[in-house]
Protein backbone atom coordinates (compact mmCIF):
# COMPACT_ATOMS: atom_id res chain seq x y z
CA MET A 1 -37.55 -35.48 5.56
CA SER A 2 -34.96 -34.28 8.10
CA ASN A 3 -34.63 -30.69 9.33
CA LYS A 4 -31.39 -30.48 7.35
CA ASP A 5 -33.23 -31.45 4.16
CA VAL A 6 -36.03 -28.97 4.83
CA HIS A 7 -33.56 -26.08 4.98
CA LYS A 8 -31.50 -27.20 2.00
CA ASN A 9 -31.85 -24.83 -0.98
CA LEU A 10 -33.83 -22.41 1.16
CA PHE A 11 -32.56 -19.42 -0.85
CA ILE A 12 -34.31 -20.30 -4.10
CA VAL A 13 -37.49 -21.45 -2.35
CA ILE A 14 -37.73 -18.09 -0.57
CA TYR A 15 -36.93 -16.29 -3.83
CA LEU A 16 -39.64 -18.09 -5.80
CA ASN A 17 -42.14 -17.84 -2.95
CA SER A 18 -41.67 -14.05 -3.01
CA ILE A 19 -42.92 -14.06 -6.62
CA VAL A 20 -45.74 -16.61 -6.34
CA PRO A 21 -46.85 -18.22 -3.05
CA LEU A 22 -45.78 -21.86 -3.16
CA SER A 23 -47.77 -24.78 -1.78
CA PRO A 24 -46.10 -27.03 0.79
CA ALA A 25 -46.02 -29.80 -1.83
CA LEU A 26 -44.17 -27.66 -4.36
CA LYS A 27 -41.76 -26.39 -1.70
CA ALA A 28 -40.95 -29.99 -0.76
CA PHE A 29 -40.46 -30.88 -4.44
CA LEU A 30 -38.11 -27.94 -5.02
CA VAL A 31 -36.10 -28.63 -1.88
CA ASP A 32 -35.57 -32.17 -3.14
CA LYS A 33 -34.71 -31.28 -6.76
CA ILE A 34 -32.83 -27.97 -6.66
CA LYS A 35 -29.04 -28.21 -6.66
CA SER A 36 -26.24 -25.77 -5.88
CA VAL A 37 -23.24 -24.95 -8.06
CA SER A 38 -20.43 -22.40 -8.12
CA TYR A 39 -18.40 -21.02 -11.02
CA GLN A 40 -15.04 -19.30 -10.93
CA LYS A 41 -14.51 -15.84 -12.40
CA ASN A 42 -14.35 -16.00 -16.23
CA GLN A 43 -15.51 -19.64 -16.31
CA VAL A 44 -17.85 -20.47 -19.20
CA ILE A 45 -21.11 -21.91 -17.89
CA CYS A 46 -22.55 -22.88 -21.26
CA ASN A 47 -21.06 -22.81 -24.76
CA GLN A 48 -22.98 -21.88 -27.89
CA GLY A 49 -24.31 -25.06 -29.50
CA GLU A 50 -24.53 -26.98 -26.22
CA LEU A 51 -27.81 -27.99 -24.62
CA CYS A 52 -28.39 -25.83 -21.54
CA ASN A 53 -30.81 -27.83 -19.39
CA LYS A 54 -30.64 -25.76 -16.20
CA LEU A 55 -32.61 -22.76 -14.94
CA TYR A 56 -30.36 -20.81 -12.56
CA VAL A 57 -30.94 -18.30 -9.77
CA ILE A 58 -27.85 -16.28 -8.80
CA LYS A 59 -27.28 -16.21 -5.04
CA LYS A 60 -24.20 -14.02 -5.47
CA GLY A 61 -22.26 -13.16 -8.59
CA LEU A 62 -22.33 -11.73 -12.09
CA VAL A 63 -23.06 -13.54 -15.37
CA ARG A 64 -23.21 -12.46 -19.00
CA GLY A 65 -24.52 -13.86 -22.27
CA TYR A 66 -22.43 -13.28 -25.39
CA PHE A 67 -21.67 -14.46 -28.91
CA ILE A 68 -18.75 -14.13 -31.31
CA SER A 69 -19.31 -12.46 -34.69
CA ALA A 70 -16.40 -11.88 -37.09
CA SER A 71 -13.97 -12.23 -34.17
CA ASN A 72 -15.93 -9.63 -32.16
CA ASP A 73 -17.07 -10.56 -28.66
CA ILE A 74 -20.59 -9.12 -28.27
CA THR A 75 -22.29 -9.06 -24.86
CA THR A 76 -26.08 -9.41 -25.11
CA TRP A 77 -27.17 -9.43 -21.45
CA ILE A 78 -25.80 -9.29 -17.90
CA SER A 79 -27.46 -10.75 -14.79
CA SER A 80 -26.48 -10.36 -11.14
CA ASP A 81 -27.49 -11.24 -7.58
CA ASN A 82 -31.04 -12.59 -7.10
CA GLU A 83 -31.73 -12.84 -10.83
CA ILE A 84 -32.71 -15.82 -12.98
CA PHE A 85 -30.71 -16.79 -16.06
CA THR A 86 -30.49 -19.57 -18.61
CA SER A 87 -30.25 -20.05 -22.36
CA ILE A 88 -33.75 -19.23 -23.56
CA THR A 89 -33.56 -21.46 -26.65
CA GLY A 90 -31.59 -24.06 -24.76
CA PHE A 91 -33.85 -24.38 -21.74
CA PHE A 92 -37.35 -23.42 -22.85
CA ARG A 93 -37.10 -24.91 -26.35
CA ASN A 94 -34.74 -27.78 -25.45
CA GLU A 95 -32.52 -26.74 -28.39
CA PRO A 96 -28.78 -25.93 -28.64
CA ALA A 97 -27.90 -22.61 -27.01
CA ARG A 98 -27.54 -19.66 -29.40
CA GLU A 99 -25.03 -17.87 -27.20
CA ASN A 100 -22.35 -18.48 -24.60
CA ILE A 101 -22.85 -17.84 -20.88
CA GLN A 102 -19.90 -16.79 -18.69
CA ALA A 103 -19.35 -15.94 -15.02
CA LEU A 104 -17.79 -12.48 -14.62
CA GLU A 105 -17.16 -12.98 -10.90
CA ASP A 106 -16.95 -15.99 -8.64
CA THR A 107 -20.63 -16.88 -8.87
CA TYR A 108 -22.85 -19.02 -6.65
CA CYS A 109 -26.12 -20.37 -8.00
CA GLU A 110 -28.94 -22.77 -7.39
CA TYR A 111 -30.63 -24.44 -10.34
CA LEU A 112 -33.52 -26.62 -11.44
CA GLU A 113 -33.02 -29.06 -14.31
CA TYR A 114 -35.24 -29.14 -17.41
CA ASP A 115 -37.05 -32.39 -16.61
CA ASP A 116 -37.80 -31.32 -13.03
CA PHE A 117 -39.00 -27.91 -14.19
CA HIS A 118 -41.45 -29.50 -16.64
CA TYR A 119 -42.64 -32.00 -14.05
CA ALA A 120 -43.41 -29.05 -11.76
CA LEU A 121 -45.23 -27.27 -14.60
CA LYS A 122 -47.41 -30.32 -15.14
CA HIS A 123 -48.21 -31.02 -11.50
CA PHE A 124 -48.25 -27.62 -9.72
CA ALA A 125 -50.48 -24.74 -10.77
CA GLU A 126 -48.28 -22.15 -9.04
CA MET A 127 -45.31 -23.30 -11.13
CA ARG A 128 -47.31 -22.51 -14.25
CA GLU A 129 -47.94 -19.05 -12.80
CA MET A 130 -44.20 -18.77 -12.12
CA ASN A 131 -43.46 -19.71 -15.74
CA ARG A 132 -45.84 -17.03 -16.98
CA TYR A 133 -44.12 -14.47 -14.76
CA MET A 134 -40.66 -15.47 -16.01
CA MET A 135 -41.78 -15.21 -19.63
CA GLU A 136 -43.21 -11.74 -19.00
CA GLU A 137 -39.96 -10.66 -17.34
CA TYR A 138 -37.89 -12.09 -20.18
CA TYR A 139 -39.89 -10.30 -22.88
CA MET A 140 -39.88 -7.06 -20.91
CA HIS A 141 -36.08 -7.17 -20.57
CA ALA A 142 -35.73 -8.17 -24.23
CA GLU A 143 -37.90 -5.22 -25.24
CA ASN A 144 -35.81 -2.85 -23.09
CA ARG A 145 -32.59 -4.15 -24.67
CA ALA A 146 -34.04 -3.80 -28.17
CA TYR A 147 -35.18 -0.26 -27.40
CA MET A 148 -31.80 0.70 -25.94
CA ALA A 149 -29.94 -0.77 -28.93
CA ARG A 150 -31.89 1.48 -31.28
CA ILE A 151 -31.06 4.71 -29.45
CA PRO A 152 -28.58 6.35 -31.84
CA ASN A 153 -26.72 8.45 -29.27
CA ALA A 154 -24.21 6.74 -26.94
CA GLN A 155 -24.89 9.19 -24.11
CA ASN A 156 -28.61 8.47 -24.27
CA ARG A 157 -28.00 4.71 -24.30
CA TRP A 158 -25.96 5.13 -21.12
CA ASN A 159 -28.70 7.26 -19.55
CA GLN A 160 -31.30 4.62 -20.36
CA TYR A 161 -29.19 1.84 -18.86
CA PHE A 162 -28.19 3.81 -15.76
CA GLU A 163 -31.79 4.70 -14.96
CA GLY A 164 -32.78 1.03 -14.86
CA THR A 165 -29.74 -0.50 -13.15
CA ASP A 166 -28.34 -0.39 -9.62
CA PRO A 167 -25.12 1.71 -9.77
CA LYS A 168 -23.41 -0.82 -7.46
CA ILE A 169 -23.98 -3.49 -10.11
CA ILE A 170 -22.77 -1.22 -12.90
CA HIS A 171 -19.43 -0.69 -11.17
CA ARG A 172 -18.96 -4.46 -10.80
CA ILE A 173 -19.21 -5.05 -14.56
CA PRO A 174 -15.90 -5.06 -16.48
CA LYS A 175 -15.95 -1.96 -18.66
CA LYS A 176 -15.23 -3.81 -21.90
CA TYR A 177 -18.34 -5.95 -21.43
CA LEU A 178 -20.51 -3.04 -20.36
CA ALA A 179 -19.34 -1.08 -23.42
CA SER A 180 -20.20 -4.05 -25.63
CA LEU A 181 -23.66 -4.35 -24.04
CA LEU A 182 -24.26 -0.64 -24.69
CA ALA A 183 -22.89 -0.86 -28.25
CA MET A 184 -20.13 1.69 -27.79
CA ARG A 185 -16.34 1.78 -27.66
CA PRO A 186 -14.71 1.33 -24.22
CA GLU A 187 -13.12 4.79 -24.54
CA THR A 188 -16.55 6.32 -25.14
CA LEU A 189 -17.99 4.55 -22.12
CA SER A 190 -15.10 5.71 -19.92
CA ARG A 191 -15.61 9.32 -21.02
CA ILE A 192 -19.37 9.16 -20.39
CA MET A 193 -18.94 7.53 -16.98
CA ASN A 194 -16.29 10.09 -15.94
CA GLU A 195 -18.54 12.96 -17.00
CA HIS A 196 -21.44 11.37 -15.16
CA ALA A 197 -19.35 11.01 -11.98
CA ARG A 198 -18.24 14.66 -12.19
CA THR A 199 -21.85 15.76 -12.57
CA LEU A 200 -22.91 13.76 -9.52
CA ARG A 201 -20.05 15.25 -7.45
CA SER A 202 -20.93 18.75 -8.61
CA ASN A 203 -24.60 18.31 -7.73
CA ALA A 204 -23.67 16.94 -4.31
CA THR A 205 -21.70 20.11 -3.46
CA ASP A 206 -24.35 22.58 -4.65
């Protein structure tokens, strides 16, 4: 393997190694199998009903999951830099995706395909540990979203989301999609965010 090959896809190898230490054999496998891809702003990465056979890590960008119900566009999750995303049913169950996935910015990713992921699960113990970690993270985020969705007050939903999200990421998200994620009208979100900004400015001058 050449030096160029060794350093190919270094981003995702470093990312995964920060979660679970990877053996040299698994690192070599990932370097060989992981591919890079970029998506333009607003480009659909996966359509509902398609088979999503890729597990992505975002190097730089912003991605959302969404579905259409009675002509309403409903955002279910948003992922950003250094986060993993895929269609859970599509990738882990090898079934048609239940939602659409769209890039909200020009987005740069590396990905591992379904067959290569399952080969790694079968042959590398640390990949099985990685899979367990990803499942724990997925269920934790799913639980947080379910909890937030059941908070009856829009202000409190915003507070819950703000406490767990980098403000720099929040300001990159188009307001209509953030409002949808938080189950409130865009006008309500704008009012809450303006009030929040005024409070922060006031506290900074005290």
